[in-house]
């Protein structure tokens, strides 16, 4: 698909000035030139034209708000001075897989004062002796080259880079909004302690009630046992009395028989 048609498709019924991101990867550049892009894309912040057989940036329109430009896997060998003129606020530039051979080609990027990350991976220039040291010395404004800084620390993800400026601007607001007010946590802890104490006291009262009811049951049982014992004693006494009365009757009967 040609670049012009791809741009029309990516617009999706939007006006060019409403577009902030545009991905045109793997489409076809006629004569190696940028086609279909113009100054009406004034809000564009991210543009990707990877593997589109691009050889020249001469037709790139003025994109003052553009921060990230992906140009990997093309056939660009020079003409980078256009970037400082047309995209002065670039912070990220990916030229990996192009035909860049010499340090002199990169000198044009010195005018990109906001450039922080540059990718030249798989370009012939990377085969030069002391390549990394030379690039960091030439472009002192950059922090990351081919994804790593001078101490070989890896660059953050692109999303994290996007958030850096926003975090700096909104840091104070977030500090004001985030977190509970002072003393809130202490009050919450005190309330939790009071609830635990109340729960403990309720549990203690319940245990006391259980203990009292148990003691009362014990006393009732003892009284019942005492009653049973008294009843048994009374029955034994009655039996003994009846036995004595019977013996007396027998003795009396024997006396009467002897008199006869």
C-alpha atoms as a PDB file:
ATOM      1  CA  UNK A   1       0.000   0.000   0.000  1.00  0.00           C
ATOM      2  CA  UNK A   2       1.284   3.462  -0.874  1.00  0.00           C
ATOM      3  CA  UNK A   3       1.966   5.916   1.925  1.00  0.00           C
ATOM      4  CA  UNK A   4      -0.762   8.354   0.838  1.00  0.00           C
ATOM      5  CA  UNK A   5      -3.460   5.674   0.968  1.00  0.00           C
ATOM      6  CA  UNK A   6      -2.156   4.408   4.277  1.00  0.00           C
ATOM      7  CA  UNK A   7      -2.357   7.901   5.783  1.00  0.00           C
ATOM      8  CA  UNK A   8      -5.956   8.314   4.628  1.00  0.00           C
ATOM      9  CA  UNK A   9      -6.813   4.961   6.172  1.00  0.00           C
ATOM     10  CA  UNK A  10      -5.116   5.823   9.464  1.00  0.00           C
ATOM     11  CA  UNK A  11      -7.027   9.092   9.747  1.00  0.00           C
ATOM     12  CA  UNK A  12     -10.275   7.174  10.360  1.00  0.00           C
ATOM     13  CA  UNK A  13     -12.506  10.129   9.552  1.00  0.00           C
ATOM     14  CA  UNK A  14     -10.449  12.462  11.730  1.00  0.00           C
ATOM     15  CA  UNK A  15      -9.010  15.761  10.661  1.00  0.00           C
ATOM     16  CA  UNK A  16      -5.175  15.781  10.415  1.00  0.00           C
ATOM     17  CA  UNK A  17      -4.929  18.334  13.239  1.00  0.00           C
ATOM     18  CA  UNK A  18      -6.682  15.881  15.583  1.00  0.00           C
ATOM     19  CA  UNK A  19      -4.047  13.154  15.129  1.00  0.00           C
ATOM     20  CA  UNK A  20      -1.299  12.810  17.748  1.00  0.00           C
ATOM     21  CA  UNK A  21       0.061   9.377  16.716  1.00  0.00           C
ATOM     22  CA  UNK A  22       0.565   7.994  13.229  1.00  0.00           C
ATOM     23  CA  UNK A  23       1.953   4.567  12.330  1.00  0.00           C
ATOM     24  CA  UNK A  24       2.819   4.013   8.658  1.00  0.00           C
ATOM     25  CA  UNK A  25       5.095   0.976   8.983  1.00  0.00           C
ATOM     26  CA  UNK A  26       5.612  -1.357   6.009  1.00  0.00           C
ATOM     27  CA  UNK A  27       3.853   0.805   3.428  1.00  0.00           C
ATOM     28  CA  UNK A  28       5.533   1.901   0.181  1.00  0.00           C
ATOM     29  CA  UNK A  29       7.366   5.197  -0.329  1.00  0.00           C
ATOM     30  CA  UNK A  30       7.392   6.297  -3.961  1.00  0.00           C
ATOM     31  CA  UNK A  31      10.872   7.501  -4.954  1.00  0.00           C
ATOM     32  CA  UNK A  32      11.995   7.124  -1.328  1.00  0.00           C
ATOM     33  CA  UNK A  33      10.269  10.348  -0.286  1.00  0.00           C
ATOM     34  CA  UNK A  34       7.769  11.144   2.462  1.00  0.00           C
ATOM     35  CA  UNK A  35       4.337  11.442   0.843  1.00  0.00           C
ATOM     36  CA  UNK A  36       0.919  12.508   2.080  1.00  0.00           C
ATOM     37  CA  UNK A  37       2.186  14.250   5.222  1.00  0.00           C
ATOM     38  CA  UNK A  38       1.855  18.019   5.450  1.00  0.00           C
ATOM     39  CA  UNK A  39       1.839  20.868   7.958  1.00  0.00           C
ATOM     40  CA  UNK A  40      -1.808  20.193   8.931  1.00  0.00           C
ATOM     41  CA  UNK A  41      -0.566  17.371  11.189  1.00  0.00           C
ATOM     42  CA  UNK A  42       0.527  20.038  13.649  1.00  0.00           C
ATOM     43  CA  UNK A  43      -0.484  18.057  16.783  1.00  0.00           C
ATOM     44  CA  UNK A  44       1.499  14.968  15.839  1.00  0.00           C
ATOM     45  CA  UNK A  45       3.716  13.728  18.703  1.00  0.00           C
ATOM     46  CA  UNK A  46       4.623  10.220  17.516  1.00  0.00           C
ATOM     47  CA  UNK A  47       5.389   9.190  13.928  1.00  0.00           C
ATOM     48  CA  UNK A  48       6.541   5.759  12.818  1.00  0.00           C
ATOM     49  CA  UNK A  49       7.728   5.048   9.258  1.00  0.00           C
ATOM     50  CA  UNK A  50       9.638   1.789   9.717  1.00  0.00           C
ATOM     51  CA  UNK A  51      10.495  -0.324   6.664  1.00  0.00           C
ATOM     52  CA  UNK A  52       8.947   1.966   4.051  1.00  0.00           C
ATOM     53  CA  UNK A  53      12.024   2.181   1.735  1.00  0.00           C
ATOM     54  CA  UNK A  54      12.598   5.783   2.786  1.00  0.00           C
ATOM     55  CA  UNK A  55      15.884   7.255   1.541  1.00  0.00           C
ATOM     56  CA  UNK A  56      15.334  10.984   2.037  1.00  0.00           C
ATOM     57  CA  UNK A  57      13.785  13.251   4.674  1.00  0.00           C
ATOM     58  CA  UNK A  58      13.642  16.299   2.413  1.00  0.00           C
ATOM     59  CA  UNK A  59       9.825  16.178   2.088  1.00  0.00           C
ATOM     60  CA  UNK A  60       9.188  15.860   5.830  1.00  0.00           C
ATOM     61  CA  UNK A  61       6.744  18.620   6.887  1.00  0.00           C
ATOM     62  CA  UNK A  62       7.184  20.884   9.908  1.00  0.00           C
ATOM     63  CA  UNK A  63       6.083  18.938  12.962  1.00  0.00           C
ATOM     64  CA  UNK A  64       6.963  21.156  15.910  1.00  0.00           C
ATOM     65  CA  UNK A  65       5.244  18.939  18.502  1.00  0.00           C
ATOM     66  CA  UNK A  66       6.812  15.696  17.303  1.00  0.00           C
ATOM     67  CA  UNK A  67       8.736  14.025  20.116  1.00  0.00           C
ATOM     68  CA  UNK A  68       9.306  10.488  18.818  1.00  0.00           C
ATOM     69  CA  UNK A  69      10.316   9.495  15.319  1.00  0.00           C
ATOM     70  CA  UNK A  70      10.731   5.864  14.219  1.00  0.00           C
ATOM     71  CA  UNK A  71      12.697   5.478  10.958  1.00  0.00           C
ATOM     72  CA  UNK A  72      14.181   1.992  11.399  1.00  0.00           C
ATOM     73  CA  UNK A  73      14.909  -0.416   8.534  1.00  0.00           C
ATOM     74  CA  UNK A  74      15.037   2.140   5.748  1.00  0.00           C
ATOM     75  CA  UNK A  75      17.837   3.230   3.381  1.00  0.00           C
ATOM     76  CA  UNK A  76      18.649   6.647   4.847  1.00  0.00           C
ATOM     77  CA  UNK A  77      22.330   7.548   4.532  1.00  0.00           C
ATOM     78  CA  UNK A  78      22.356  11.287   5.277  1.00  0.00           C
ATOM     79  CA  UNK A  79      20.394  14.528   5.176  1.00  0.00           C
ATOM     80  CA  UNK A  80      19.683  14.465   8.921  1.00  0.00           C
ATOM     81  CA  UNK A  81      19.985  18.248   9.227  1.00  0.00           C
ATOM     82  CA  UNK A  82      16.326  18.427   8.118  1.00  0.00           C
ATOM     83  CA  UNK A  83      15.279  16.987  11.476  1.00  0.00           C
ATOM     84  CA  UNK A  84      16.542  19.952  13.498  1.00  0.00           C
ATOM     85  CA  UNK A  85      14.673  22.301  11.162  1.00  0.00           C
ATOM     86  CA  UNK A  86      11.375  20.423  10.857  1.00  0.00           C
ATOM     87  CA  UNK A  87      11.207  18.542  14.194  1.00  0.00           C
ATOM     88  CA  UNK A  88      13.141  20.671  16.700  1.00  0.00           C
ATOM     89  CA  UNK A  89      11.560  19.072  19.806  1.00  0.00           C
ATOM     90  CA  UNK A  90      12.493  15.455  19.134  1.00  0.00           C
ATOM     91  CA  UNK A  91      13.470  13.497  22.259  1.00  0.00           C
ATOM     92  CA  UNK A  92      13.687  10.025  20.656  1.00  0.00           C
ATOM     93  CA  UNK A  93      15.053   9.081  17.242  1.00  0.00           C
ATOM     94  CA  UNK A  94      15.365   5.552  15.898  1.00  0.00           C
ATOM     95  CA  UNK A  95      17.601   5.196  12.831  1.00  0.00           C
ATOM     96  CA  UNK A  96      18.518   1.529  13.344  1.00  0.00           C
ATOM     97  CA  UNK A  97      18.959  -0.602  10.243  1.00  0.00           C
ATOM     98  CA  UNK A  98      19.760   2.323   7.917  1.00  0.00           C
ATOM     99  CA  UNK A  99      22.819   3.110   5.757  1.00  0.00           C
ATOM    100  CA  UNK A 100      24.589   5.477   8.138  1.00  0.00           C
ATOM    101  CA  UNK A 101      28.343   4.954   8.056  1.00  0.00           C
ATOM    102  CA  UNK A 102      30.187   8.018   9.316  1.00  0.00           C
ATOM    103  CA  UNK A 103      30.278  10.158  12.436  1.00  0.00           C
ATOM    104  CA  UNK A 104      30.052  13.254  10.246  1.00  0.00           C
ATOM    105  CA  UNK A 105      26.506  12.228   9.343  1.00  0.00           C
ATOM    106  CA  UNK A 106      25.543  12.383  12.995  1.00  0.00           C
ATOM    107  CA  UNK A 107      26.945  15.877  13.517  1.00  0.00           C
ATOM    108  CA  UNK A 108      23.688  17.297  12.151  1.00  0.00           C
ATOM    109  CA  UNK A 109      21.904  15.931  15.228  1.00  0.00           C
ATOM    110  CA  UNK A 110      23.803  18.313  17.517  1.00  0.00           C
ATOM    111  CA  UNK A 111      21.105  20.886  16.839  1.00  0.00           C
ATOM    112  CA  UNK A 112      18.413  18.631  18.315  1.00  0.00           C
ATOM    113  CA  UNK A 113      18.854  20.087  21.791  1.00  0.00           C
ATOM    114  CA  UNK A 114      16.082  17.981  23.387  1.00  0.00           C
ATOM    115  CA  UNK A 115      17.256  14.646  21.995  1.00  0.00           C
ATOM    116  CA  UNK A 116      17.703  12.100  24.806  1.00  0.00           C
ATOM    117  CA  UNK A 117      17.662   8.731  23.058  1.00  0.00           C
ATOM    118  CA  UNK A 118      19.272   7.745  19.737  1.00  0.00           C
ATOM    119  CA  UNK A 119      19.237   4.286  18.161  1.00  0.00           C
ATOM    120  CA  UNK A 120      21.766   3.387  15.450  1.00  0.00           C
ATOM    121  CA  UNK A 121      21.686  -0.384  15.964  1.00  0.00           C
ATOM    122  CA  UNK A 122      22.549  -2.401  12.832  1.00  0.00           C
ATOM    123  CA  UNK A 123      23.973   0.653  11.070  1.00  0.00           C
ATOM    124  CA  UNK A 124      27.508   0.394   9.651  1.00  0.00           C
ATOM    125  CA  UNK A 125      28.632   3.210  11.946  1.00  0.00           C
ATOM    126  CA  UNK A 126      28.421   0.830  14.915  1.00  0.00           C
ATOM    127  CA  UNK A 127      31.455  -1.044  13.547  1.00  0.00           C
ATOM    128  CA  UNK A 128      33.721   1.958  14.107  1.00  0.00           C
ATOM    129  CA  UNK A 129      36.326   1.738  16.842  1.00  0.00           C
ATOM    130  CA  UNK A 130      35.185   3.479  20.038  1.00  0.00           C
ATOM    131  CA  UNK A 131      31.795   3.981  18.409  1.00  0.00           C
ATOM    132  CA  UNK A 132      29.852   4.545  21.636  1.00  0.00           C
ATOM    133  CA  UNK A 133      32.413   6.858  23.226  1.00  0.00           C
ATOM    134  CA  UNK A 134      32.571   8.905  20.030  1.00  0.00           C
ATOM    135  CA  UNK A 135      28.802   9.321  19.764  1.00  0.00           C
ATOM    136  CA  UNK A 136      28.402  10.319  23.420  1.00  0.00           C
ATOM    137  CA  UNK A 137      31.198  12.856  22.976  1.00  0.00           C
ATOM    138  CA  UNK A 138      29.719  14.221  19.746  1.00  0.00           C
ATOM    139  CA  UNK A 139      26.100  14.366  20.978  1.00  0.00           C
ATOM    140  CA  UNK A 140      26.458  15.363  24.601  1.00  0.00           C
ATOM    141  CA  UNK A 141      22.727  16.029  24.980  1.00  0.00           C
ATOM    142  CA  UNK A 142      21.762  12.371  24.605  1.00  0.00           C
ATOM    143  CA  UNK A 143      21.405  10.000  27.563  1.00  0.00           C
ATOM    144  CA  UNK A 144      20.826   6.690  25.774  1.00  0.00           C
ATOM    145  CA  UNK A 145      22.512   5.200  22.722  1.00  0.00           C
ATOM    146  CA  UNK A 146      21.102   1.969  21.302  1.00  0.00           C
ATOM    147  CA  UNK A 147      19.036   1.521  24.465  1.00  0.00           C
ATOM    148  CA  UNK A 148      21.819   2.009  27.060  1.00  0.00           C
ATOM    149  CA  UNK A 149      23.488   4.942  28.782  1.00  0.00           C
ATOM    150  CA  UNK A 150      27.247   5.421  29.197  1.00  0.00           C
ATOM    151  CA  UNK A 151      27.279   3.159  32.276  1.00  0.00           C
ATOM    152  CA  UNK A 152      25.402   0.429  30.354  1.00  0.00           C
ATOM    153  CA  UNK A 153      22.160   1.018  32.235  1.00  0.00           C
ATOM    154  CA  UNK A 154      19.173   0.079  30.122  1.00  0.00           C
ATOM    155  CA  UNK A 155      16.790   2.796  28.994  1.00  0.00           C
ATOM    156  CA  UNK A 156      13.283   2.758  30.495  1.00  0.00           C
ATOM    157  CA  UNK A 157      10.300   1.623  28.457  1.00  0.00           C
ATOM    158  CA  UNK A 158       8.871   4.138  26.025  1.00  0.00           C
ATOM    159  CA  UNK A 159       5.708   4.487  28.158  1.00  0.00           C
ATOM    160  CA  UNK A 160       7.803   5.409  31.188  1.00  0.00           C
ATOM    161  CA  UNK A 161       9.618   8.019  29.105  1.00  0.00           C
ATOM    162  CA  UNK A 162       6.256   9.456  28.103  1.00  0.00           C
ATOM    163  CA  UNK A 163       5.256   9.789  31.744  1.00  0.00           C
ATOM    164  CA  UNK A 164       8.451  11.501  32.919  1.00  0.00           C
ATOM    165  CA  UNK A 165       7.459  15.035  31.941  1.00  0.00           C
ATOM    166  CA  UNK A 166       3.905  14.530  33.128  1.00  0.00           C
ATOM    167  CA  UNK A 167       5.138  13.263  36.476  1.00  0.00           C
ATOM    168  CA  UNK A 168       7.287  16.353  36.957  1.00  0.00           C
ATOM    169  CA  UNK A 169       4.410  18.697  36.120  1.00  0.00           C
ATOM    170  CA  UNK A 170       1.789  16.890  38.170  1.00  0.00           C
ATOM    171  CA  UNK A 171       3.979  15.797  41.082  1.00  0.00           C
ATOM    172  CA  UNK A 172       2.777  18.479  43.485  1.00  0.00           C
ATOM    173  CA  UNK A 173      -0.875  17.863  42.649  1.00  0.00           C
ATOM    174  CA  UNK A 174      -0.503  14.120  43.192  1.00  0.00           C
ATOM    175  CA  UNK A 175       1.202  14.714  46.537  1.00  0.00           C
ATOM    176  CA  UNK A 176      -1.713  16.907  47.583  1.00  0.00           C
ATOM    177  CA  UNK A 177      -4.336  14.399  46.461  1.00  0.00           C
ATOM    178  CA  UNK A 178      -2.728  11.088  47.362  1.00  0.00           C
ATOM    179  CA  UNK A 179      -2.723   9.585  50.830  1.00  0.00           C
ATOM    180  CA  UNK A 180      -4.994  10.043  53.847  1.00  0.00           C
ATOM    181  CA  UNK A 181      -4.934  13.257  55.871  1.00  0.00           C
ATOM    182  CA  UNK A 182      -2.499  13.575  58.758  1.00  0.00           C
ATOM    183  CA  UNK A 183      -3.596  11.747  61.885  1.00  0.00           C
ATOM    184  CA  UNK A 184      -6.081   9.647  59.931  1.00  0.00           C
ATOM    185  CA  UNK A 185      -4.132   6.411  60.321  1.00  0.00           C
ATOM    186  CA  UNK A 186      -3.662   6.991  64.069  1.00  0.00           C
ATOM    187  CA  UNK A 187      -7.392   7.593  64.559  1.00  0.00           C
ATOM    188  CA  UNK A 188      -8.161   4.468  62.584  1.00  0.00           C
ATOM    189  CA  UNK A 189      -5.780   2.402  64.723  1.00  0.00           C
ATOM    190  CA  UNK A 190      -7.336   3.774  67.931  1.00  0.00           C
ATOM    191  CA  UNK A 191     -10.814   2.867  66.688  1.00  0.00           C
ATOM    192  CA  UNK A 192      -9.647  -0.662  65.861  1.00  0.00           C
ATOM    193  CA  UNK A 193      -8.141  -1.045  69.352  1.00  0.00           C
ATOM    194  CA  UNK A 194     -11.384   0.156  70.971  1.00  0.00           C
ATOM    195  CA  UNK A 195     -13.381  -2.329  68.895  1.00  0.00           C
ATOM    196  CA  UNK A 196     -11.045  -5.144  69.938  1.00  0.00           C
ATOM    197  CA  UNK A 197     -11.386  -4.174  73.621  1.00  0.00           C
ATOM    198  CA  UNK A 198     -15.185  -4.094  73.344  1.00  0.00           C
ATOM    199  CA  UNK A 199     -15.183  -7.460  71.653  1.00  0.00           C
ATOM    200  CA  UNK A 200     -12.927  -8.811  74.419  1.00  0.00           C
ATOM    201  CA  UNK A 201     -15.179  -7.443  77.175  1.00  0.00           C
ATOM    202  CA  UNK A 202     -18.252  -8.941  75.509  1.00  0.00           C
ATOM    203  CA  UNK A 203     -16.466 -12.260  75.315  1.00  0.00           C
ATOM    204  CA  UNK A 204     -15.524 -12.026  79.010  1.00  0.00           C
ATOM    205  CA  UNK A 205     -19.120 -11.304  80.004  1.00  0.00           C
ATOM    206  CA  UNK A 206     -20.249 -14.276  77.955  1.00  0.00           C
ATOM    207  CA  UNK A 207     -17.735 -16.499  79.697  1.00  0.00           C
ATOM    208  CA  UNK A 208     -18.885 -15.247  83.112  1.00  0.00           C
ATOM    209  CA  UNK A 209     -22.504 -15.991  82.226  1.00  0.00           C
ATOM    210  CA  UNK A 210     -21.544 -19.480  81.136  1.00  0.00           C
ATOM    211  CA  UNK A 211     -19.607 -19.987  84.381  1.00  0.00           C
ATOM    212  CA  UNK A 212     -22.536 -18.796  86.546  1.00  0.00           C
ATOM    213  CA  UNK A 213     -25.016 -20.991  84.772  1.00  0.00           C
ATOM    214  CA  UNK A 214     -22.694 -23.950  85.230  1.00  0.00           C
ATOM    215  CA  UNK A 215     -22.342 -23.284  88.967  1.00  0.00           C
ATOM    216  CA  UNK A 216     -26.107 -22.912  89.362  1.00  0.00           C
ATOM    217  CA  UNK A 217     -26.634 -26.245  87.641  1.00  0.00           C
ATOM    218  CA  UNK A 218     -24.097 -27.827  90.004  1.00  0.00           C
ATOM    219  CA  UNK A 219     -25.883 -26.430  93.074  1.00  0.00           C
ATOM    220  CA  UNK A 220     -29.280 -27.646  91.826  1.00  0.00           C
ATOM    221  CA  UNK A 221     -27.858 -31.083  91.183  1.00  0.00           C
ATOM    222  CA  UNK A 222     -26.343 -31.188  94.709  1.00  0.00           C
ATOM    223  CA  UNK A 223     -29.687 -30.216  96.238  1.00  0.00           C
ATOM    224  CA  UNK A 224     -31.456 -32.943  94.269  1.00  0.00           C
ATOM    225  CA  UNK A 225     -28.866 -35.458  95.439  1.00  0.00           C
ATOM    226  CA  UNK A 226     -29.393 -34.327  99.060  1.00  0.00           C
ATOM    227  CA  UNK A 227     -33.171 -34.720  98.712  1.00  0.00           C
ATOM    228  CA  UNK A 228     -32.723 -38.213  97.375  1.00  0.00           C
ATOM    229  CA  UNK A 229     -30.469 -39.078 100.302  1.00  0.00           C
ATOM    230  CA  UNK A 230     -32.980 -37.699 102.837  1.00  0.00           C
ATOM    231  CA  UNK A 231     -35.818 -39.668 101.255  1.00  0.00           C
ATOM    232  CA  UNK A 232     -33.775 -42.863 101.357  1.00  0.00           C
ATOM    233  CA  UNK A 233     -32.960 -42.246 105.062  1.00  0.00           C
ATOM    234  CA  UNK A 234     -36.605 -41.684 105.933  1.00  0.00           C
ATOM    235  CA  UNK A 235     -37.617 -44.892 104.174  1.00  0.00           C
ATOM    236  CA  UNK A 236     -35.008 -46.863 106.108  1.00  0.00           C
ATOM    237  CA  UNK A 237     -36.233 -45.392 109.432  1.00  0.00           C
ATOM    238  CA  UNK A 238     -39.841 -46.275 108.558  1.00  0.00           C
ATOM    239  CA  UNK A 239     -38.813 -49.834 107.738  1.00  0.00           C
ATOM    240  CA  UNK A 240     -36.949 -50.114 111.029  1.00  0.00           C
ATOM    241  CA  UNK A 241     -39.966 -48.799 112.962  1.00  0.00           C
ATOM    242  CA  UNK A 242     -42.287 -51.245 111.215  1.00  0.00           C
ATOM    243  CA  UNK A 243     -39.860 -54.052 112.040  1.00  0.00           C
ATOM    244  CA  UNK A 244     -39.871 -53.084 115.720  1.00  0.00           C
ATOM    245  CA  UNK A 245     -43.673 -52.894 115.791  1.00  0.00           C
ATOM    246  CA  UNK A 246     -43.823 -56.321 114.200  1.00  0.00           C
ATOM    247  CA  UNK A 247     -41.476 -57.764 116.801  1.00  0.00           C
ATOM    248  CA  UNK A 248     -43.548 -56.252 119.591  1.00  0.00           C
ATOM    249  CA  UNK A 249     -46.735 -57.790 118.150  1.00  0.00           C
ATOM    250  CA  UNK A 250     -45.053 -61.178 117.902  1.00  0.00           C
ATOM    251  CA  UNK A 251     -43.837 -60.940 121.527  1.00  0.00           C
ATOM    252  CA  UNK A 252     -47.295 -59.996 122.684  1.00  0.00           C
ATOM    253  CA  UNK A 253     -48.864 -62.914 120.849  1.00  0.00           C
ATOM    254  CA  UNK A 254     -46.358 -65.301 122.420  1.00  0.00           C
ATOM    255  CA  UNK A 255     -47.205 -64.004 125.907  1.00  0.00           C
ATOM    256  CA  UNK A 256     -50.895 -64.530 125.418  1.00  0.00           C
ATOM    257  CA  UNK A 257     -50.324 -68.099 124.240  1.00  0.00           C
ATOM    258  CA  UNK A 258     -48.285 -68.913 127.367  1.00  0.00           C
ATOM    259  CA  UNK A 259     -51.059 -67.535 129.634  1.00  0.00           C
ATOM    260  CA  UNK A 260     -53.507 -69.849 127.956  1.00  0.00           C
END
